[in-house]
Amino acid sequence: MLIYKVLQKAGIGNFHFYDLRHTFATRLAQKGIDIYTIAKLLGHKDIRMTQRYAHHCPESLRGAIQAIEVSDNLVTIKQNQIISNA
């Protein structure tokens, strides 16, 4: 089959079709797409299955925290006083 020749030529071993689904789900999750949308795109009826496919790398998790810290401005420090936006 052509796919096996291409994989061999590219030096990719132990490849399975579902690897593409994992990559697709993970990249969507890392771009901030919610888990329910990813589940719908993958055709999953149970969100737990989607959680098995969508993985976050440490960089994307760090980015999520930074997004909260920067965009929401939860705490403002002014003249040595902490003023909460709550």
PDB file of N, CA and C in Angstrom:
ATOM      1  N   MET A   1       0.823  -1.181   0.000  1.00  0.00           N
ATOM      2  CA  MET A   1       0.000   0.000   0.000  1.00  0.00           C
ATOM      3  C   MET A   1       0.875   1.255   0.000  1.00  0.00           C
ATOM      4  N   LEU A   2       0.429   2.274  -0.646  1.00  0.00           N
ATOM      5  CA  LEU A   2       1.189   3.519  -0.778  1.00  0.00           C
ATOM      6  C   LEU A   2       1.491   4.168   0.564  1.00  0.00           C
ATOM      7  N   ILE A   3       0.537   4.154   1.487  1.00  0.00           N
ATOM      8  CA  ILE A   3       0.734   4.817   2.780  1.00  0.00           C
ATOM      9  C   ILE A   3       1.922   4.225   3.526  1.00  0.00           C
ATOM     10  N   TYR A   4       2.095   2.912   3.442  1.00  0.00           N
ATOM     11  CA  TYR A   4       3.201   2.268   4.144  1.00  0.00           C
ATOM     12  C   TYR A   4       4.543   2.644   3.524  1.00  0.00           C
ATOM     13  N   LYS A   5       4.573   2.796   2.212  1.00  0.00           N
ATOM     14  CA  LYS A   5       5.798   3.225   1.535  1.00  0.00           C
ATOM     15  C   LYS A   5       6.156   4.651   1.937  1.00  0.00           C
ATOM     16  N   VAL A   6       5.153   5.509   2.024  1.00  0.00           N
ATOM     17  CA  VAL A   6       5.370   6.902   2.412  1.00  0.00           C
ATOM     18  C   VAL A   6       5.871   6.971   3.848  1.00  0.00           C
ATOM     19  N   LEU A   7       5.254   6.209   4.748  1.00  0.00           N
ATOM     20  CA  LEU A   7       5.670   6.199   6.151  1.00  0.00           C
ATOM     21  C   LEU A   7       7.103   5.700   6.284  1.00  0.00           C
ATOM     22  N   GLN A   8       7.426   4.654   5.556  1.00  0.00           N
ATOM     23  CA  GLN A   8       8.768   4.096   5.606  1.00  0.00           C
ATOM     24  C   GLN A   8       9.790   5.109   5.077  1.00  0.00           C
ATOM     25  N   LYS A   9       9.468   5.749   3.978  1.00  0.00           N
ATOM     26  CA  LYS A   9      10.367   6.738   3.390  1.00  0.00           C
ATOM     27  C   LYS A   9      10.576   7.924   4.330  1.00  0.00           C
ATOM     28  N   ALA A  10       9.537   8.305   5.069  1.00  0.00           N
ATOM     29  CA  ALA A  10       9.618   9.425   6.018  1.00  0.00           C
ATOM     30  C   ALA A  10      10.274   9.014   7.335  1.00  0.00           C
ATOM     31  N   GLY A  11      10.509   7.730   7.511  1.00  0.00           N
ATOM     32  CA  GLY A  11      11.125   7.254   8.745  1.00  0.00           C
ATOM     33  C   GLY A  11      10.170   7.189   9.914  1.00  0.00           C
ATOM     34  N   ILE A  12       8.894   7.062   9.612  1.00  0.00           N
ATOM     35  CA  ILE A  12       7.871   6.992  10.662  1.00  0.00           C
ATOM     36  C   ILE A  12       7.515   5.536  10.888  1.00  0.00           C
ATOM     37  N   GLY A  13       7.724   5.075  12.112  1.00  0.00           N
ATOM     38  CA  GLY A  13       7.393   3.698  12.459  1.00  0.00           C
ATOM     39  C   GLY A  13       6.274   3.641  13.475  1.00  0.00           C
ATOM     40  N   ASN A  14       5.663   2.477  13.602  1.00  0.00           N
ATOM     41  CA  ASN A  14       4.602   2.246  14.587  1.00  0.00           C
ATOM     42  C   ASN A  14       3.491   3.286  14.483  1.00  0.00           C
ATOM     43  N   PHE A  15       3.048   3.553  13.272  1.00  0.00           N
ATOM     44  CA  PHE A  15       2.005   4.551  13.023  1.00  0.00           C
ATOM     45  C   PHE A  15       0.647   3.879  12.935  1.00  0.00           C
ATOM     46  N   HIS A  16      -0.352   4.514  13.512  1.00  0.00           N
ATOM     47  CA  HIS A  16      -1.734   4.044  13.436  1.00  0.00           C
ATOM     48  C   HIS A  16      -2.620   5.219  13.007  1.00  0.00           C
ATOM     49  N   PHE A  17      -3.716   4.925  12.328  1.00  0.00           N
ATOM     50  CA  PHE A  17      -4.640   5.969  11.881  1.00  0.00           C
ATOM     51  C   PHE A  17      -5.103   6.839  13.037  1.00  0.00           C
ATOM     52  N   TYR A  18      -5.334   6.221  14.186  1.00  0.00           N
ATOM     53  CA  TYR A  18      -5.861   6.978  15.322  1.00  0.00           C
ATOM     54  C   TYR A  18      -4.857   7.985  15.874  1.00  0.00           C
ATOM     55  N   ASP A  19      -3.589   7.854  15.498  1.00  0.00           N
ATOM     56  CA  ASP A  19      -2.614   8.876  15.873  1.00  0.00           C
ATOM     57  C   ASP A  19      -3.030  10.234  15.315  1.00  0.00           C
ATOM     58  N   LEU A  20      -3.618  10.236  14.131  1.00  0.00           N
ATOM     59  CA  LEU A  20      -4.080  11.489  13.521  1.00  0.00           C
ATOM     60  C   LEU A  20      -5.226  12.102  14.313  1.00  0.00           C
ATOM     61  N   ARG A  21      -6.105  11.268  14.847  1.00  0.00           N
ATOM     62  CA  ARG A  21      -7.215  11.763  15.657  1.00  0.00           C
ATOM     63  C   ARG A  21      -6.691  12.396  16.949  1.00  0.00           C
ATOM     64  N   HIS A  22      -5.685  11.759  17.549  1.00  0.00           N
ATOM     65  CA  HIS A  22      -5.083  12.311  18.758  1.00  0.00           C
ATOM     66  C   HIS A  22      -4.448  13.673  18.468  1.00  0.00           C
ATOM     67  N   THR A  23      -3.719  13.754  17.362  1.00  0.00           N
ATOM     68  CA  THR A  23      -3.080  15.014  16.987  1.00  0.00           C
ATOM     69  C   THR A  23      -4.120  16.095  16.732  1.00  0.00           C
ATOM     70  N   PHE A  24      -5.167  15.755  16.001  1.00  0.00           N
ATOM     71  CA  PHE A  24      -6.253  16.697  15.693  1.00  0.00           C
ATOM     72  C   PHE A  24      -6.884  17.230  16.976  1.00  0.00           C
ATOM     73  N   ALA A  25      -7.257  16.321  17.874  1.00  0.00           N
ATOM     74  CA  ALA A  25      -7.915  16.718  19.122  1.00  0.00           C
ATOM     75  C   ALA A  25      -6.980  17.542  20.000  1.00  0.00           C
ATOM     76  N   THR A  26      -5.728  17.138  20.085  1.00  0.00           N
ATOM     77  CA  THR A  26      -4.760  17.848  20.912  1.00  0.00           C
ATOM     78  C   THR A  26      -4.519  19.258  20.391  1.00  0.00           C
ATOM     79  N   ARG A  27      -4.362  19.404  19.103  1.00  0.00           N
ATOM     80  CA  ARG A  27      -4.123  20.734  18.540  1.00  0.00           C
ATOM     81  C   ARG A  27      -5.317  21.653  18.736  1.00  0.00           C
ATOM     82  N   LEU A  28      -6.519  21.117  18.624  1.00  0.00           N
ATOM     83  CA  LEU A  28      -7.709  21.927  18.885  1.00  0.00           C
ATOM     84  C   LEU A  28      -7.735  22.381  20.343  1.00  0.00           C
ATOM     85  N   ALA A  29      -7.466  21.446  21.257  1.00  0.00           N
ATOM     86  CA  ALA A  29      -7.466  21.778  22.684  1.00  0.00           C
ATOM     87  C   ALA A  29      -6.416  22.834  22.991  1.00  0.00           C
ATOM     88  N   GLN A  30      -5.253  22.719  22.388  1.00  0.00           N
ATOM     89  CA  GLN A  30      -4.181  23.672  22.637  1.00  0.00           C
ATOM     90  C   GLN A  30      -4.485  25.042  22.047  1.00  0.00           C
ATOM     91  N   LYS A  31      -5.389  25.102  21.086  1.00  0.00           N
ATOM     92  CA  LYS A  31      -5.810  26.390  20.514  1.00  0.00           C
ATOM     93  C   LYS A  31      -6.977  26.995  21.275  1.00  0.00           C
ATOM     94  N   GLY A  32      -7.430  26.307  22.334  1.00  0.00           N
ATOM     95  CA  GLY A  32      -8.482  26.861  23.169  1.00  0.00           C
ATOM     96  C   GLY A  32      -9.895  26.436  22.794  1.00  0.00           C
ATOM     97  N   ILE A  33     -10.027  25.470  21.898  1.00  0.00           N
ATOM     98  CA  ILE A  33     -11.356  24.974  21.530  1.00  0.00           C
ATOM     99  C   ILE A  33     -11.893  24.136  22.683  1.00  0.00           C
ATOM    100  N   ASP A  34     -13.130  24.370  23.061  1.00  0.00           N
ATOM    101  CA  ASP A  34     -13.688  23.657  24.211  1.00  0.00           C
ATOM    102  C   ASP A  34     -13.881  22.177  23.914  1.00  0.00           C
ATOM    103  N   ILE A  35     -13.856  21.388  24.966  1.00  0.00           N
ATOM    104  CA  ILE A  35     -13.884  19.927  24.869  1.00  0.00           C
ATOM    105  C   ILE A  35     -15.169  19.416  24.225  1.00  0.00           C
ATOM    106  N   TYR A  36     -16.270  20.137  24.396  1.00  0.00           N
ATOM    107  CA  TYR A  36     -17.539  19.712  23.812  1.00  0.00           C
ATOM    108  C   TYR A  36     -17.534  19.858  22.285  1.00  0.00           C
ATOM    109  N   THR A  37     -16.910  20.913  21.802  1.00  0.00           N
ATOM    110  CA  THR A  37     -16.778  21.106  20.354  1.00  0.00           C
ATOM    111  C   THR A  37     -15.870  20.040  19.768  1.00  0.00           C
ATOM    112  N   ILE A  38     -14.773  19.751  20.455  1.00  0.00           N
ATOM    113  CA  ILE A  38     -13.860  18.707  19.980  1.00  0.00           C
ATOM    114  C   ILE A  38     -14.575  17.361  19.941  1.00  0.00           C
ATOM    115  N   ALA A  39     -15.363  17.074  20.966  1.00  0.00           N
ATOM    116  CA  ALA A  39     -16.116  15.817  21.007  1.00  0.00           C
ATOM    117  C   ALA A  39     -17.051  15.708  19.814  1.00  0.00           C
ATOM    118  N   LYS A  40     -17.717  16.797  19.509  1.00  0.00           N
ATOM    119  CA  LYS A  40     -18.649  16.812  18.373  1.00  0.00           C
ATOM    120  C   LYS A  40     -17.898  16.566  17.064  1.00  0.00           C
ATOM    121  N   LEU A  41     -16.755  17.219  16.896  1.00  0.00           N
ATOM    122  CA  LEU A  41     -15.969  17.053  15.676  1.00  0.00           C
ATOM    123  C   LEU A  41     -15.432  15.631  15.519  1.00  0.00           C
ATOM    124  N   LEU A  42     -15.112  14.997  16.635  1.00  0.00           N
ATOM    125  CA  LEU A  42     -14.597  13.626  16.591  1.00  0.00           C
ATOM    126  C   LEU A  42     -15.715  12.587  16.547  1.00  0.00           C
ATOM    127  N   GLY A  43     -16.942  13.035  16.781  1.00  0.00           N
ATOM    128  CA  GLY A  43     -18.069  12.106  16.760  1.00  0.00           C
ATOM    129  C   GLY A  43     -18.230  11.305  18.041  1.00  0.00           C
ATOM    130  N   HIS A  44     -17.709  11.829  19.136  1.00  0.00           N
ATOM    131  CA  HIS A  44     -17.808  11.130  20.420  1.00  0.00           C
ATOM    132  C   HIS A  44     -19.126  11.471  21.108  1.00  0.00           C
ATOM    133  N   LYS A  45     -19.762  10.468  21.661  1.00  0.00           N
ATOM    134  CA  LYS A  45     -20.992  10.689  22.424  1.00  0.00           C
ATOM    135  C   LYS A  45     -20.685  10.890  23.906  1.00  0.00           C
ATOM    136  N   ASP A  46     -19.541  10.391  24.335  1.00  0.00           N
ATOM    137  CA  ASP A  46     -19.134  10.488  25.737  1.00  0.00           C
ATOM    138  C   ASP A  46     -17.886  11.365  25.824  1.00  0.00           C
ATOM    139  N   ILE A  47     -17.940  12.398  26.636  1.00  0.00           N
ATOM    140  CA  ILE A  47     -16.849  13.358  26.763  1.00  0.00           C
ATOM    141  C   ILE A  47     -15.577  12.698  27.286  1.00  0.00           C
ATOM    142  N   ARG A  48     -15.724  11.597  28.022  1.00  0.00           N
ATOM    143  CA  ARG A  48     -14.541  10.903  28.547  1.00  0.00           C
ATOM    144  C   ARG A  48     -13.657  10.356  27.427  1.00  0.00           C
ATOM    145  N   MET A  49     -14.266   9.953  26.332  1.00  0.00           N
ATOM    146  CA  MET A  49     -13.484   9.478  25.192  1.00  0.00           C
ATOM    147  C   MET A  49     -12.671  10.628  24.603  1.00  0.00           C
ATOM    148  N   THR A  50     -13.271  11.786  24.512  1.00  0.00           N
ATOM    149  CA  THR A  50     -12.569  12.955  23.978  1.00  0.00           C
ATOM    150  C   THR A  50     -11.394  13.322  24.874  1.00  0.00           C
ATOM    151  N   GLN A  51     -11.562  13.200  26.163  1.00  0.00           N
ATOM    152  CA  GLN A  51     -10.483  13.512  27.095  1.00  0.00           C
ATOM    153  C   GLN A  51      -9.295  12.581  26.895  1.00  0.00           C
ATOM    154  N   ARG A  52      -9.535  11.379  26.403  1.00  0.00           N
ATOM    155  CA  ARG A  52      -8.442  10.454  26.118  1.00  0.00           C
ATOM    156  C   ARG A  52      -7.671  10.881  24.871  1.00  0.00           C
ATOM    157  N   TYR A  53      -8.323  11.596  23.981  1.00  0.00           N
ATOM    158  CA  TYR A  53      -7.703  12.021  22.730  1.00  0.00           C
ATOM    159  C   TYR A  53      -7.011  13.374  22.841  1.00  0.00           C
ATOM    160  N   ALA A  54      -7.604  14.294  23.564  1.00  0.00           N
ATOM    161  CA  ALA A  54      -7.099  15.675  23.617  1.00  0.00           C
ATOM    162  C   ALA A  54      -6.123  15.824  24.777  1.00  0.00           C
ATOM    163  N   HIS A  55      -4.882  16.111  24.448  1.00  0.00           N
ATOM    164  CA  HIS A  55      -3.832  16.252  25.462  1.00  0.00           C
ATOM    165  C   HIS A  55      -3.285  17.671  25.420  1.00  0.00           C
ATOM    166  N   HIS A  56      -2.897  18.147  26.570  1.00  0.00           N
ATOM    167  CA  HIS A  56      -2.280  19.471  26.655  1.00  0.00           C
ATOM    168  C   HIS A  56      -0.799  19.301  26.942  1.00  0.00           C
ATOM    169  N   CYS A  57      -0.006  20.112  26.306  1.00  0.00           N
ATOM    170  CA  CYS A  57       1.412  20.147  26.627  1.00  0.00           C
ATOM    171  C   CYS A  57       1.607  21.214  27.707  1.00  0.00           C
ATOM    172  N   PRO A  58       2.701  21.157  28.447  1.00  0.00           N
ATOM    173  CA  PRO A  58       2.924  22.139  29.517  1.00  0.00           C
ATOM    174  C   PRO A  58       2.865  23.584  29.026  1.00  0.00           C
ATOM    175  N   GLU A  59       3.323  23.837  27.803  1.00  0.00           N
ATOM    176  CA  GLU A  59       3.312  25.202  27.278  1.00  0.00           C
ATOM    177  C   GLU A  59       1.890  25.734  27.133  1.00  0.00           C
ATOM    178  N   SER A  60       0.965  24.891  26.679  1.00  0.00           N
ATOM    179  CA  SER A  60      -0.411  25.364  26.508  1.00  0.00           C
ATOM    180  C   SER A  60      -1.076  25.604  27.857  1.00  0.00           C
ATOM    181  N   LEU A  61      -0.747  24.790  28.848  1.00  0.00           N
ATOM    182  CA  LEU A  61      -1.308  24.996  30.185  1.00  0.00           C
ATOM    183  C   LEU A  61      -0.769  26.293  30.786  1.00  0.00           C
ATOM    184  N   ARG A  62       0.503  26.559  30.594  1.00  0.00           N
ATOM    185  CA  ARG A  62       1.109  27.790  31.083  1.00  0.00           C
ATOM    186  C   ARG A  62       0.471  28.997  30.396  1.00  0.00           C
ATOM    187  N   GLY A  63       0.217  28.861  29.113  1.00  0.00           N
ATOM    188  CA  GLY A  63      -0.417  29.943  28.357  1.00  0.00           C
ATOM    189  C   GLY A  63      -1.804  30.260  28.874  1.00  0.00           C
ATOM    190  N   ALA A  64      -2.522  29.232  29.308  1.00  0.00           N
ATOM    191  CA  ALA A  64      -3.864  29.446  29.845  1.00  0.00           C
ATOM    192  C   ALA A  64      -3.823  30.278  31.116  1.00  0.00           C
ATOM    193  N   ILE A  65      -2.879  29.982  31.977  1.00  0.00           N
ATOM    194  CA  ILE A  65      -2.734  30.751  33.216  1.00  0.00           C
ATOM    195  C   ILE A  65      -2.338  32.187  32.911  1.00  0.00           C
ATOM    196  N   GLN A  66      -1.424  32.364  31.975  1.00  0.00           N
ATOM    197  CA  GLN A  66      -0.997  33.710  31.609  1.00  0.00           C
ATOM    198  C   GLN A  66      -2.149  34.506  31.006  1.00  0.00           C
ATOM    199  N   ALA A  67      -3.012  33.842  30.258  1.00  0.00           N
ATOM    200  CA  ALA A  67      -4.161  34.528  29.669  1.00  0.00           C
ATOM    201  C   ALA A  67      -5.076  35.076  30.753  1.00  0.00           C
ATOM    202  N   ILE A  68      -5.265  34.319  31.807  1.00  0.00           N
ATOM    203  CA  ILE A  68      -6.104  34.779  32.919  1.00  0.00           C
ATOM    204  C   ILE A  68      -5.433  35.941  33.633  1.00  0.00           C
ATOM    205  N   GLU A  69      -4.149  35.798  33.888  1.00  0.00           N
ATOM    206  CA  GLU A  69      -3.426  36.840  34.613  1.00  0.00           C
ATOM    207  C   GLU A  69      -3.400  38.159  33.855  1.00  0.00           C
ATOM    208  N   VAL A  70      -3.243  38.109  32.552  1.00  0.00           N
ATOM    209  CA  VAL A  70      -3.091  39.323  31.753  1.00  0.00           C
ATOM    210  C   VAL A  70      -4.433  39.916  31.360  1.00  0.00           C
ATOM    211  N   SER A  71      -5.311  39.115  30.753  1.00  0.00           N
ATOM    212  CA  SER A  71      -6.528  39.677  30.172  1.00  0.00           C
ATOM    213  C   SER A  71      -7.604  40.024  31.193  1.00  0.00           C
ATOM    214  N   ASP A  72      -7.727  39.262  32.249  1.00  0.00           N
ATOM    215  CA  ASP A  72      -8.797  39.521  33.207  1.00  0.00           C
ATOM    216  C   ASP A  72      -8.411  40.539  34.267  1.00  0.00           C
ATOM    217  N   ASN A  73      -7.108  40.762  34.461  1.00  0.00           N
ATOM    218  CA  ASN A  73      -6.639  41.741  35.431  1.00  0.00           C
ATOM    219  C   ASN A  73      -7.364  41.555  36.757  1.00  0.00           C
ATOM    220  N   LEU A  74      -7.253  40.342  37.312  1.00  0.00           N
ATOM    221  CA  LEU A  74      -8.001  39.999  38.509  1.00  0.00           C
ATOM    222  C   LEU A  74      -7.605  40.834  39.731  1.00  0.00           C
ATOM    223  N   VAL A  75      -6.355  41.194  39.807  1.00  0.00           N
ATOM    224  CA  VAL A  75      -5.898  41.970  40.963  1.00  0.00           C
ATOM    225  C   VAL A  75      -5.058  43.138  40.455  1.00  0.00           C
ATOM    226  N   THR A  76      -5.328  44.306  40.965  1.00  0.00           N
ATOM    227  CA  THR A  76      -4.564  45.496  40.608  1.00  0.00           C
ATOM    228  C   THR A  76      -3.819  45.979  41.839  1.00  0.00           C
ATOM    229  N   ILE A  77      -2.550  46.228  41.657  1.00  0.00           N
ATOM    230  CA  ILE A  77      -1.765  46.757  42.772  1.00  0.00           C
ATOM    231  C   ILE A  77      -1.551  48.251  42.525  1.00  0.00           C
ATOM    232  N   LYS A  78      -1.966  49.050  43.478  1.00  0.00           N
ATOM    233  CA  LYS A  78      -1.851  50.502  43.319  1.00  0.00           C
ATOM    234  C   LYS A  78      -1.421  51.104  44.648  1.00  0.00           C
ATOM    235  N   GLN A  79      -0.332  51.805  44.636  1.00  0.00           N
ATOM    236  CA  GLN A  79       0.199  52.492  45.804  1.00  0.00           C
ATOM    237  C   GLN A  79       0.287  51.554  47.013  1.00  0.00           C
ATOM    238  N   ASN A  80       0.900  50.377  46.785  1.00  0.00           N
ATOM    239  CA  ASN A  80       1.129  49.375  47.844  1.00  0.00           C
ATOM    240  C   ASN A  80      -0.162  48.826  48.448  1.00  0.00           C
ATOM    241  N   GLN A  81      -1.287  48.999  47.782  1.00  0.00           N
ATOM    242  CA  GLN A  81      -2.554  48.439  48.240  1.00  0.00           C
ATOM    243  C   GLN A  81      -3.038  47.457  47.190  1.00  0.00           C
ATOM    244  N   ILE A  82      -3.669  46.396  47.630  1.00  0.00           N
ATOM    245  CA  ILE A  82      -4.253  45.426  46.705  1.00  0.00           C
ATOM    246  C   ILE A  82      -5.738  45.714  46.617  1.00  0.00           C
ATOM    247  N   ILE A  83      -6.186  46.024  45.405  1.00  0.00           N
ATOM    248  CA  ILE A  83      -7.600  46.323  45.169  1.00  0.00           C
ATOM    249  C   ILE A  83      -8.140  45.220  44.280  1.00  0.00           C
ATOM    250  N   SER A  84      -9.135  44.489  44.739  1.00  0.00           N
ATOM    251  CA  SER A  84      -9.705  43.392  43.960  1.00  0.00           C
ATOM    252  C   SER A  84     -10.783  43.919  43.042  1.00  0.00           C
ATOM    253  N   ASN A  85     -10.882  43.343  41.837  1.00  0.00           N
ATOM    254  CA  ASN A  85     -11.941  43.706  40.894  1.00  0.00           C
ATOM    255  C   ASN A  85     -13.243  42.974  41.169  1.00  0.00           C
ATOM    256  N   ALA A  86     -13.259  42.160  42.195  1.00  0.00           N
ATOM    257  CA  ALA A  86     -14.446  41.341  42.487  1.00  0.00           C
ATOM    258  C   ALA A  86     -15.599  42.156  42.982  1.00  0.00           C
TER     259      ALA A  86
END
